[in-house]
C-alpha atoms as a PDB file:
ATOM      1  CA  MET A   1     -19.500  19.610  16.218  1.00  0.00           C
ATOM      2  CA  THR A   2     -16.235  17.675  15.467  1.00  0.00           C
ATOM      3  CA  LEU A   3     -14.475  19.224  12.761  1.00  0.00           C
ATOM      4  CA  PRO A   4     -12.740  16.844  10.342  1.00  0.00           C
ATOM      5  CA  ARG A   5      -8.959  16.382  10.910  1.00  0.00           C
ATOM      6  CA  PRO A   6      -6.581  18.127   8.305  1.00  0.00           C
ATOM      7  CA  ALA A   7      -5.455  15.888   5.328  1.00  0.00           C
ATOM      8  CA  LEU A   8      -2.033  16.219   7.096  1.00  0.00           C
ATOM      9  CA  THR A   9      -0.508  18.102  10.072  1.00  0.00           C
ATOM     10  CA  PRO A  10       2.655  20.125   9.695  1.00  0.00           C
ATOM     11  CA  ALA A  11       4.194  17.424  12.067  1.00  0.00           C
ATOM     12  CA  GLU A  12       3.001  14.590   9.734  1.00  0.00           C
ATOM     13  CA  ILE A  13       4.270  16.343   6.708  1.00  0.00           C
ATOM     14  CA  GLU A  14       7.709  16.951   8.358  1.00  0.00           C
ATOM     15  CA  ALA A  15       7.853  13.085   9.574  1.00  0.00           C
ATOM     16  CA  TYR A  16       7.330  11.935   5.858  1.00  0.00           C
ATOM     17  CA  ARG A  17      10.200  14.261   4.788  1.00  0.00           C
ATOM     18  CA  ARG A  18      12.290  13.012   7.293  1.00  0.00           C
ATOM     19  CA  GLU A  19      11.370   9.293   7.697  1.00  0.00           C
ATOM     20  CA  GLY A  20       9.989   8.502   4.489  1.00  0.00           C
ATOM     21  CA  TRP A  21       6.420   7.796   5.945  1.00  0.00           C
ATOM     22  CA  THR A  22       3.692   9.213   8.154  1.00  0.00           C
ATOM     23  CA  ILE A  23       0.251   8.191   9.473  1.00  0.00           C
ATOM     24  CA  ALA A  24      -2.871  10.139   9.440  1.00  0.00           C
ATOM     25  CA  ARG A  25      -4.842   8.670  12.080  1.00  0.00           C
ATOM     26  CA  GLY A  26      -8.530   8.732  12.197  1.00  0.00           C
ATOM     27  CA  ALA A  27      -8.786   9.992   8.759  1.00  0.00           C
ATOM     28  CA  PHE A  28     -12.111   7.952   8.019  1.00  0.00           C
ATOM     29  CA  GLY A  29     -14.703   6.874  10.544  1.00  0.00           C
ATOM     30  CA  PRO A  30     -16.638   3.630  11.314  1.00  0.00           C
ATOM     31  CA  SER A  31     -19.094   3.961   8.718  1.00  0.00           C
ATOM     32  CA  ASP A  32     -16.657   4.501   5.953  1.00  0.00           C
ATOM     33  CA  VAL A  33     -14.837   1.258   7.244  1.00  0.00           C
ATOM     34  CA  ALA A  34     -17.992  -0.748   7.426  1.00  0.00           C
ATOM     35  CA  SER A  35     -18.744   0.154   3.734  1.00  0.00           C
ATOM     36  CA  TRP A  36     -15.345  -0.891   2.657  1.00  0.00           C
ATOM     37  CA  ILE A  37     -15.299  -4.126   4.481  1.00  0.00           C
ATOM     38  CA  ALA A  38     -19.018  -4.742   2.910  1.00  0.00           C
ATOM     39  CA  GLU A  39     -17.544  -3.921  -0.509  1.00  0.00           C
ATOM     40  CA  CYS A  40     -14.570  -6.442  -0.077  1.00  0.00           C
ATOM     41  CA  ASP A  41     -16.887  -9.161   0.836  1.00  0.00           C
ATOM     42  CA  ARG A  42     -19.143  -8.282  -2.345  1.00  0.00           C
ATOM     43  CA  ILE A  43     -15.921  -8.267  -4.683  1.00  0.00           C
ATOM     44  CA  TRP A  44     -14.682 -11.507  -3.328  1.00  0.00           C
ATOM     45  CA  SER A  45     -17.923 -13.020  -3.746  1.00  0.00           C
ATOM     46  CA  SER A  46     -18.430 -11.883  -7.272  1.00  0.00           C
ATOM     47  CA  VAL A  47     -14.903 -12.449  -8.763  1.00  0.00           C
ATOM     48  CA  ALA A  48     -13.883 -15.842 -10.237  1.00  0.00           C
ATOM     49  CA  VAL A  49     -11.212 -17.110  -7.661  1.00  0.00           C
ATOM     50  CA  ASP A  50      -9.162 -19.223  -9.855  1.00  0.00           C
ATOM     51  CA  ARG A  51      -5.932 -19.450 -11.792  1.00  0.00           C
ATOM     52  CA  SER A  52      -7.571 -18.208 -14.909  1.00  0.00           C
ATOM     53  CA  ASN A  53      -8.377 -14.762 -13.346  1.00  0.00           C
ATOM     54  CA  PRO A  54      -5.737 -12.318 -14.020  1.00  0.00           C
ATOM     55  CA  ARG A  55      -6.720  -9.806 -11.444  1.00  0.00           C
ATOM     56  CA  VAL A  56      -6.638 -12.417  -8.522  1.00  0.00           C
ATOM     57  CA  GLN A  57      -3.201 -12.961  -7.115  1.00  0.00           C
ATOM     58  CA  TRP A  58      -2.182 -15.767  -5.007  1.00  0.00           C
ATOM     59  CA  ARG A  59       0.241 -16.061  -1.969  1.00  0.00           C
ATOM     60  CA  LYS A  60       1.695 -18.985  -0.127  1.00  0.00           C
ATOM     61  CA  THR A  61       0.550 -19.830   3.348  1.00  0.00           C
ATOM     62  CA  GLU A  62       2.531 -20.871   6.274  1.00  0.00           C
ATOM     63  CA  ASN A  63       1.388 -24.583   5.890  1.00  0.00           C
ATOM     64  CA  GLY A  64       2.680 -24.577   2.230  1.00  0.00           C
ATOM     65  CA  ASP A  65      -0.925 -24.232   0.662  1.00  0.00           C
ATOM     66  CA  GLU A  66      -1.723 -21.177  -1.633  1.00  0.00           C
ATOM     67  CA  ILE A  67      -4.524 -18.731  -1.196  1.00  0.00           C
ATOM     68  CA  ALA A  68      -6.317 -15.874  -3.134  1.00  0.00           C
ATOM     69  CA  ASP A  69      -4.824 -12.931  -1.422  1.00  0.00           C
ATOM     70  CA  ARG A  70      -5.434  -9.842  -3.483  1.00  0.00           C
ATOM     71  CA  ILE A  71      -7.259  -8.264  -6.350  1.00  0.00           C
ATOM     72  CA  ASP A  72      -5.360  -5.987  -8.590  1.00  0.00           C
ATOM     73  CA  PRO A  73      -6.735  -3.989 -10.519  1.00  0.00           C
ATOM     74  CA  VAL A  74      -9.787  -3.347  -8.650  1.00  0.00           C
ATOM     75  CA  LEU A  75     -11.074   0.245  -9.297  1.00  0.00           C
ATOM     76  CA  ASP A  76     -12.708  -0.765 -12.563  1.00  0.00           C
ATOM     77  CA  ILE A  77     -15.031  -3.415 -10.582  1.00  0.00           C
ATOM     78  CA  SER A  78     -15.550  -1.218  -7.324  1.00  0.00           C
ATOM     79  CA  PRO A  79     -17.450   2.050  -7.420  1.00  0.00           C
ATOM     80  CA  VAL A  80     -16.831   2.152  -3.717  1.00  0.00           C
ATOM     81  CA  TYR A  81     -13.112   2.141  -4.069  1.00  0.00           C
ATOM     82  CA  ALA A  82     -13.037   4.463  -7.061  1.00  0.00           C
ATOM     83  CA  ALA A  83     -14.917   6.919  -5.028  1.00  0.00           C
ATOM     84  CA  LEU A  84     -12.597   6.336  -2.111  1.00  0.00           C
ATOM     85  CA  VAL A  85      -9.535   6.850  -4.338  1.00  0.00           C
ATOM     86  CA  ALA A  86     -10.964  10.140  -5.192  1.00  0.00           C
ATOM     87  CA  ASP A  87     -11.868  11.067  -1.633  1.00  0.00           C
ATOM     88  CA  ALA A  88     -10.559  14.696  -0.813  1.00  0.00           C
ATOM     89  CA  ARG A  89      -8.766  13.470   2.287  1.00  0.00           C
ATOM     90  CA  LEU A  90      -6.491  11.135   0.556  1.00  0.00           C
ATOM     91  CA  VAL A  91      -5.871  13.350  -2.739  1.00  0.00           C
ATOM     92  CA  ALA A  92      -5.286  16.241  -0.351  1.00  0.00           C
ATOM     93  CA  GLY A  93      -2.617  14.314   1.552  1.00  0.00           C
ATOM     94  CA  ALA A  94      -1.044  12.889  -1.415  1.00  0.00           C
ATOM     95  CA  SER A  95      -0.846  16.157  -3.178  1.00  0.00           C
ATOM     96  CA  ILE A  96       0.834  17.806  -0.131  1.00  0.00           C
ATOM     97  CA  LEU A  97       3.458  15.132  -0.585  1.00  0.00           C
ATOM     98  CA  LEU A  98       4.034  15.379  -4.323  1.00  0.00           C
ATOM     99  CA  ASP A  99       3.834  18.836  -6.303  1.00  0.00           C
ATOM    100  CA  GLY A 100       0.514  20.182  -5.055  1.00  0.00           C
ATOM    101  CA  THR A 101      -1.537  17.805  -7.270  1.00  0.00           C
ATOM    102  CA  ALA A 102      -2.353  14.155  -7.274  1.00  0.00           C
ATOM    103  CA  ALA A 103      -3.835  11.582  -9.705  1.00  0.00           C
ATOM    104  CA  PRO A 104      -4.352   7.652  -8.869  1.00  0.00           C
ATOM    105  CA  PHE A 105      -1.772   5.474 -10.436  1.00  0.00           C
ATOM    106  CA  LYS A 106      -2.422   2.082  -8.741  1.00  0.00           C
ATOM    107  CA  ALA A 107      -4.910   0.523  -6.373  1.00  0.00           C
ATOM    108  CA  LYS A 108      -4.893  -3.187  -5.097  1.00  0.00           C
ATOM    109  CA  LEU A 109      -7.137  -4.687  -2.573  1.00  0.00           C
ATOM    110  CA  ILE A 110      -5.006  -7.099  -0.321  1.00  0.00           C
ATOM    111  CA  THR A 111      -6.884  -9.266   2.096  1.00  0.00           C
ATOM    112  CA  LYS A 112      -3.966 -11.214   4.005  1.00  0.00           C
ATOM    113  CA  ARG A 113      -6.146 -13.865   5.761  1.00  0.00           C
ATOM    114  CA  PRO A 114      -4.494 -15.711   8.851  1.00  0.00           C
ATOM    115  CA  GLY A 115      -1.988 -17.998   7.695  1.00  0.00           C
ATOM    116  CA  THR A 116      -0.858 -15.900   4.566  1.00  0.00           C
ATOM    117  CA  ALA A 117       3.067 -15.491   4.178  1.00  0.00           C
ATOM    118  CA  GLY A 118       4.646 -12.330   4.468  1.00  0.00           C
ATOM    119  CA  TYR A 119       7.029 -10.536   1.993  1.00  0.00           C
ATOM    120  CA  GLY A 120      10.748  -9.891   2.084  1.00  0.00           C
ATOM    121  CA  LEU A 121      12.292  -6.466   2.093  1.00  0.00           C
ATOM    122  CA  HIS A 122      12.007  -4.383  -0.797  1.00  0.00           C
ATOM    123  CA  GLN A 123      11.346  -0.856  -2.091  1.00  0.00           C
ATOM    124  CA  ASP A 124       8.587  -0.121  -4.395  1.00  0.00           C
ATOM    125  CA  TYR A 125      10.205   2.166  -6.912  1.00  0.00           C
ATOM    126  CA  PRO A 126      12.154  -0.377  -8.796  1.00  0.00           C
ATOM    127  CA  TYR A 127       8.939  -1.864 -10.143  1.00  0.00           C
ATOM    128  CA  TRP A 128       7.969   1.477 -11.545  1.00  0.00           C
ATOM    129  CA  GLU A 129      11.379   2.855 -12.509  1.00  0.00           C
ATOM    130  CA  MET A 130      10.999   1.983 -16.109  1.00  0.00           C
ATOM    131  CA  LEU A 131       8.024   4.369 -16.488  1.00  0.00           C
ATOM    132  CA  GLY A 132      10.522   7.336 -16.521  1.00  0.00           C
ATOM    133  CA  LEU A 133       9.259   9.271 -13.553  1.00  0.00           C
ATOM    134  CA  SER A 134      11.437  10.051 -10.497  1.00  0.00           C
ATOM    135  CA  ALA A 135      10.834   8.269  -7.160  1.00  0.00           C
ATOM    136  CA  ASP A 136       9.712  11.421  -5.467  1.00  0.00           C
ATOM    137  CA  GLU A 137       6.783  11.566  -8.035  1.00  0.00           C
ATOM    138  CA  PHE A 138       5.032   8.332  -6.340  1.00  0.00           C
ATOM    139  CA  VAL A 139       3.523   8.425  -3.099  1.00  0.00           C
ATOM    140  CA  ASN A 140       1.847   5.268  -1.475  1.00  0.00           C
ATOM    141  CA  ALA A 141      -1.408   5.494   0.735  1.00  0.00           C
ATOM    142  CA  LEU A 142      -2.441   2.472   2.685  1.00  0.00           C
ATOM    143  CA  VAL A 143      -6.021   2.648   3.855  1.00  0.00           C
ATOM    144  CA  ALA A 144      -6.670   0.194   6.756  1.00  0.00           C
ATOM    145  CA  PHE A 145      -9.852  -1.732   6.854  1.00  0.00           C
ATOM    146  CA  ASP A 146      -8.739  -3.873   9.894  1.00  0.00           C
ATOM    147  CA  ARG A 147      -6.207  -3.486  12.688  1.00  0.00           C
ATOM    148  CA  PHE A 148      -2.820  -3.653  11.307  1.00  0.00           C
ATOM    149  CA  ASP A 149      -0.444  -4.944  14.125  1.00  0.00           C
ATOM    150  CA  ALA A 150       2.519  -7.511  14.620  1.00  0.00           C
ATOM    151  CA  ALA A 151       0.317 -10.445  14.798  1.00  0.00           C
ATOM    152  CA  SER A 152      -1.432  -9.808  11.351  1.00  0.00           C
ATOM    153  CA  GLY A 153       1.720  -9.265   9.434  1.00  0.00           C
ATOM    154  CA  SER A 154       1.462  -5.408   9.239  1.00  0.00           C
ATOM    155  CA  PRO A 155       4.608  -3.791   7.176  1.00  0.00           C
ATOM    156  CA  GLU A 156       7.783  -2.960   8.929  1.00  0.00           C
ATOM    157  CA  LEU A 157       9.032   0.262   7.605  1.00  0.00           C
ATOM    158  CA  PHE A 158      12.805   1.476   7.727  1.00  0.00           C
ATOM    159  CA  ALA A 159      13.255   5.205   8.087  1.00  0.00           C
ATOM    160  CA  GLY A 160      15.508   7.586   6.392  1.00  0.00           C
ATOM    161  CA  LEU A 161      16.406   5.170   3.661  1.00  0.00           C
ATOM    162  CA  HIS A 162      14.104   6.830   0.944  1.00  0.00           C
ATOM    163  CA  HIS A 163      16.543   9.048  -1.010  1.00  0.00           C
ATOM    164  CA  ALA A 164      18.215   6.568  -3.149  1.00  0.00           C
ATOM    165  CA  ASN A 165      17.619   3.151  -4.562  1.00  0.00           C
ATOM    166  CA  ALA A 166      18.898   0.399  -2.473  1.00  0.00           C
ATOM    167  CA  PRO A 167      21.183  -2.557  -3.714  1.00  0.00           C
ATOM    168  CA  ALA A 168      19.410  -5.691  -4.565  1.00  0.00           C
ATOM    169  CA  PRO A 169      20.591  -9.100  -3.867  1.00  0.00           C
ATOM    170  CA  PRO A 170      22.153 -11.300  -6.624  1.00  0.00           C
ATOM    171  CA  GLY A 171      19.164 -12.546  -8.914  1.00  0.00           C
ATOM    172  CA  SER A 172      16.466 -10.523  -7.173  1.00  0.00           C
ATOM    173  CA  PRO A 173      16.505  -7.103  -8.968  1.00  0.00           C
ATOM    174  CA  TYR A 174      13.334  -5.908  -7.338  1.00  0.00           C
ATOM    175  CA  ASP A 175      14.117  -6.924  -3.673  1.00  0.00           C
ATOM    176  CA  THR A 176      16.187  -4.988  -1.268  1.00  0.00           C
ATOM    177  CA  ASP A 177      19.522  -6.475   0.187  1.00  0.00           C
ATOM    178  CA  GLU A 178      18.958  -7.345   3.925  1.00  0.00           C
ATOM    179  CA  THR A 179      22.491  -5.780   4.617  1.00  0.00           C
ATOM    180  CA  VAL A 180      20.823  -2.273   4.056  1.00  0.00           C
ATOM    181  CA  VAL A 181      18.956  -2.502   7.254  1.00  0.00           C
ATOM    182  CA  ALA A 182      21.606  -4.383   9.444  1.00  0.00           C
ATOM    183  CA  GLY A 183      21.812  -2.877  12.734  1.00  0.00           C
ATOM    184  CA  ARG A 184      18.574  -0.540  12.040  1.00  0.00           C
ATOM    185  CA  ARG A 185      15.582  -0.841  14.049  1.00  0.00           C
ATOM    186  CA  GLY A 186      12.411  -0.867  11.689  1.00  0.00           C
ATOM    187  CA  THR A 187       9.083   0.738  12.607  1.00  0.00           C
ATOM    188  CA  LEU A 188       5.816  -1.554  12.643  1.00  0.00           C
ATOM    189  CA  LEU A 189       2.822   0.084  11.137  1.00  0.00           C
ATOM    190  CA  GLU A 190       0.487  -0.189  13.899  1.00  0.00           C
ATOM    191  CA  LEU A 191      -2.781   1.093  12.357  1.00  0.00           C
ATOM    192  CA  GLU A 192      -6.548   1.236  13.287  1.00  0.00           C
ATOM    193  CA  PRO A 193      -9.412   0.783  10.979  1.00  0.00           C
ATOM    194  CA  GLY A 194      -9.874   4.174   9.073  1.00  0.00           C
ATOM    195  CA  ASP A 195      -6.119   5.150   9.419  1.00  0.00           C
ATOM    196  CA  VAL A 196      -4.182   6.076   6.577  1.00  0.00           C
ATOM    197  CA  ALA A 197      -0.217   5.494   6.189  1.00  0.00           C
ATOM    198  CA  PHE A 198       1.684   7.523   3.472  1.00  0.00           C
ATOM    199  CA  PHE A 199       5.083   6.409   2.518  1.00  0.00           C
ATOM    200  CA  HIS A 200       7.604   7.048  -0.099  1.00  0.00           C
ATOM    201  CA  SER A 201       8.422   4.675  -3.131  1.00  0.00           C
ATOM    202  CA  ARG A 202      11.701   4.252  -1.848  1.00  0.00           C
ATOM    203  CA  THR A 203      10.958   3.386   1.870  1.00  0.00           C
ATOM    204  CA  PRO A 204      12.356  -0.069   2.532  1.00  0.00           C
ATOM    205  CA  HIS A 205       9.665  -2.329   3.952  1.00  0.00           C
ATOM    206  CA  ARG A 206       8.756  -5.991   4.554  1.00  0.00           C
ATOM    207  CA  SER A 207       5.991  -7.968   6.424  1.00  0.00           C
ATOM    208  CA  ALA A 208       5.772 -11.134   8.453  1.00  0.00           C
ATOM    209  CA  PRO A 209       3.248 -13.713   7.954  1.00  0.00           C
ATOM    210  CA  ASN A 210      -0.447 -13.265   9.373  1.00  0.00           C
ATOM    211  CA  ARG A 211       0.013 -15.200  12.587  1.00  0.00           C
ATOM    212  CA  GLY A 212      -3.028 -13.624  14.188  1.00  0.00           C
ATOM    213  CA  THR A 213      -6.854 -14.545  14.117  1.00  0.00           C
ATOM    214  CA  HIS A 214      -8.247 -11.649  11.825  1.00  0.00           C
ATOM    215  CA  SER A 215      -7.614 -10.666   8.180  1.00  0.00           C
ATOM    216  CA  ARG A 216      -5.345  -7.490   7.509  1.00  0.00           C
ATOM    217  CA  ARG A 217      -7.416  -5.847   4.786  1.00  0.00           C
ATOM    218  CA  GLY A 218      -6.496  -2.782   3.162  1.00  0.00           C
ATOM    219  CA  LEU A 219      -6.546  -0.728   0.006  1.00  0.00           C
ATOM    220  CA  PHE A 220      -3.036  -0.002  -1.115  1.00  0.00           C
ATOM    221  CA  LEU A 221      -3.120   3.020  -3.379  1.00  0.00           C
ATOM    222  CA  THR A 222      -0.166   4.897  -5.239  1.00  0.00           C
ATOM    223  CA  TYR A 223      -0.597   8.539  -6.503  1.00  0.00           C
ATOM    224  CA  VAL A 224       1.483  10.624  -9.040  1.00  0.00           C
ATOM    225  CA  PRO A 225       1.388  14.244  -9.829  1.00  0.00           C
ATOM    226  CA  SER A 226      -1.877  15.090 -11.962  1.00  0.00           C
ATOM    227  CA  ARG A 227       0.430  15.969 -15.083  1.00  0.00           C
ATOM    228  CA  HIS A 228       0.933  12.023 -15.113  1.00  0.00           C
ATOM    229  CA  ALA A 229      -2.629  11.048 -14.967  1.00  0.00           C
ATOM    230  CA  GLY A 230      -3.315   7.909 -16.986  1.00  0.00           C
ATOM    231  CA  LEU A 231       0.171   6.592 -16.111  1.00  0.00           C
ATOM    232  CA  ASN A 232      -1.374   3.155 -15.140  1.00  0.00           C
ATOM    233  CA  ASP A 233      -2.649   2.523 -18.848  1.00  0.00           C
ATOM    234  CA  ARG A 234       1.065   2.299 -19.973  1.00  0.00           C
ATOM    235  CA  TYR A 235       2.026   0.404 -16.824  1.00  0.00           C
ATOM    236  CA  GLU A 236      -0.393  -2.275 -17.396  1.00  0.00           C
ATOM    237  CA  GLN A 237       1.379  -3.068 -20.535  1.00  0.00           C
ATOM    238  CA  VAL A 238       4.736  -3.572 -18.862  1.00  0.00           C
ATOM    239  CA  ARG A 239       3.923  -4.328 -15.197  1.00  0.00           C
ATOM    240  CA  VAL A 240       5.803  -6.429 -12.678  1.00  0.00           C
ATOM    241  CA  ASP A 241       3.584  -7.541  -9.802  1.00  0.00           C
ATOM    242  CA  ARG A 242       4.659  -5.713  -6.547  1.00  0.00           C
ATOM    243  CA  PRO A 243       4.320  -7.312  -3.037  1.00  0.00           C
ATOM    244  CA  HIS A 244       3.159  -6.021   0.346  1.00  0.00           C
END
């Protein structure tokens, strides 16, 4: 019998502390992935994809059009993803990287179909700083439904820069000035379906357009210590939409 892998190995935990991100490879199996993709198809077929739906967010494409790209919030319309967010493998991993506890804060379904534009350099924490928690009290967990690679516009992360807020370019307070990573080599998140990438709320990252032939579907989650459970209710009143 094959035993399940631990939520995070000691080496993966050390990588997160040092680099600001880590990957739990093979955290979930093919049957899990199949159920997530089926749920993705179901949700997109059931949600009104028009400008009047506040949970559907639109992105530019490389040819200048726009495309419905993500659903946020998503847990309230998806029992499958609500169960995934509560899965012990994710909660245990997030707990290790927080204070020993974890509760879901945010969840968004991002599809990134071929042709969808990418995002500029940014940290996530500036979008949440007004909530009064420290940056160390947020941990992101990206659950891959598809292969994340260079062709599909996977996030590029910059290691070791998660200890402070980075300066923003003039007029763009939620972005990160490109000079912060000048001369640094980023790391492309190369994920297979079922892999989970955990990354710090201050880890700078960006993504290129999807120039491949397959979508880059995934559930982007954020956890906080359990003492802050319910924080999303307050956030939804003041939210600023965050890229990926």
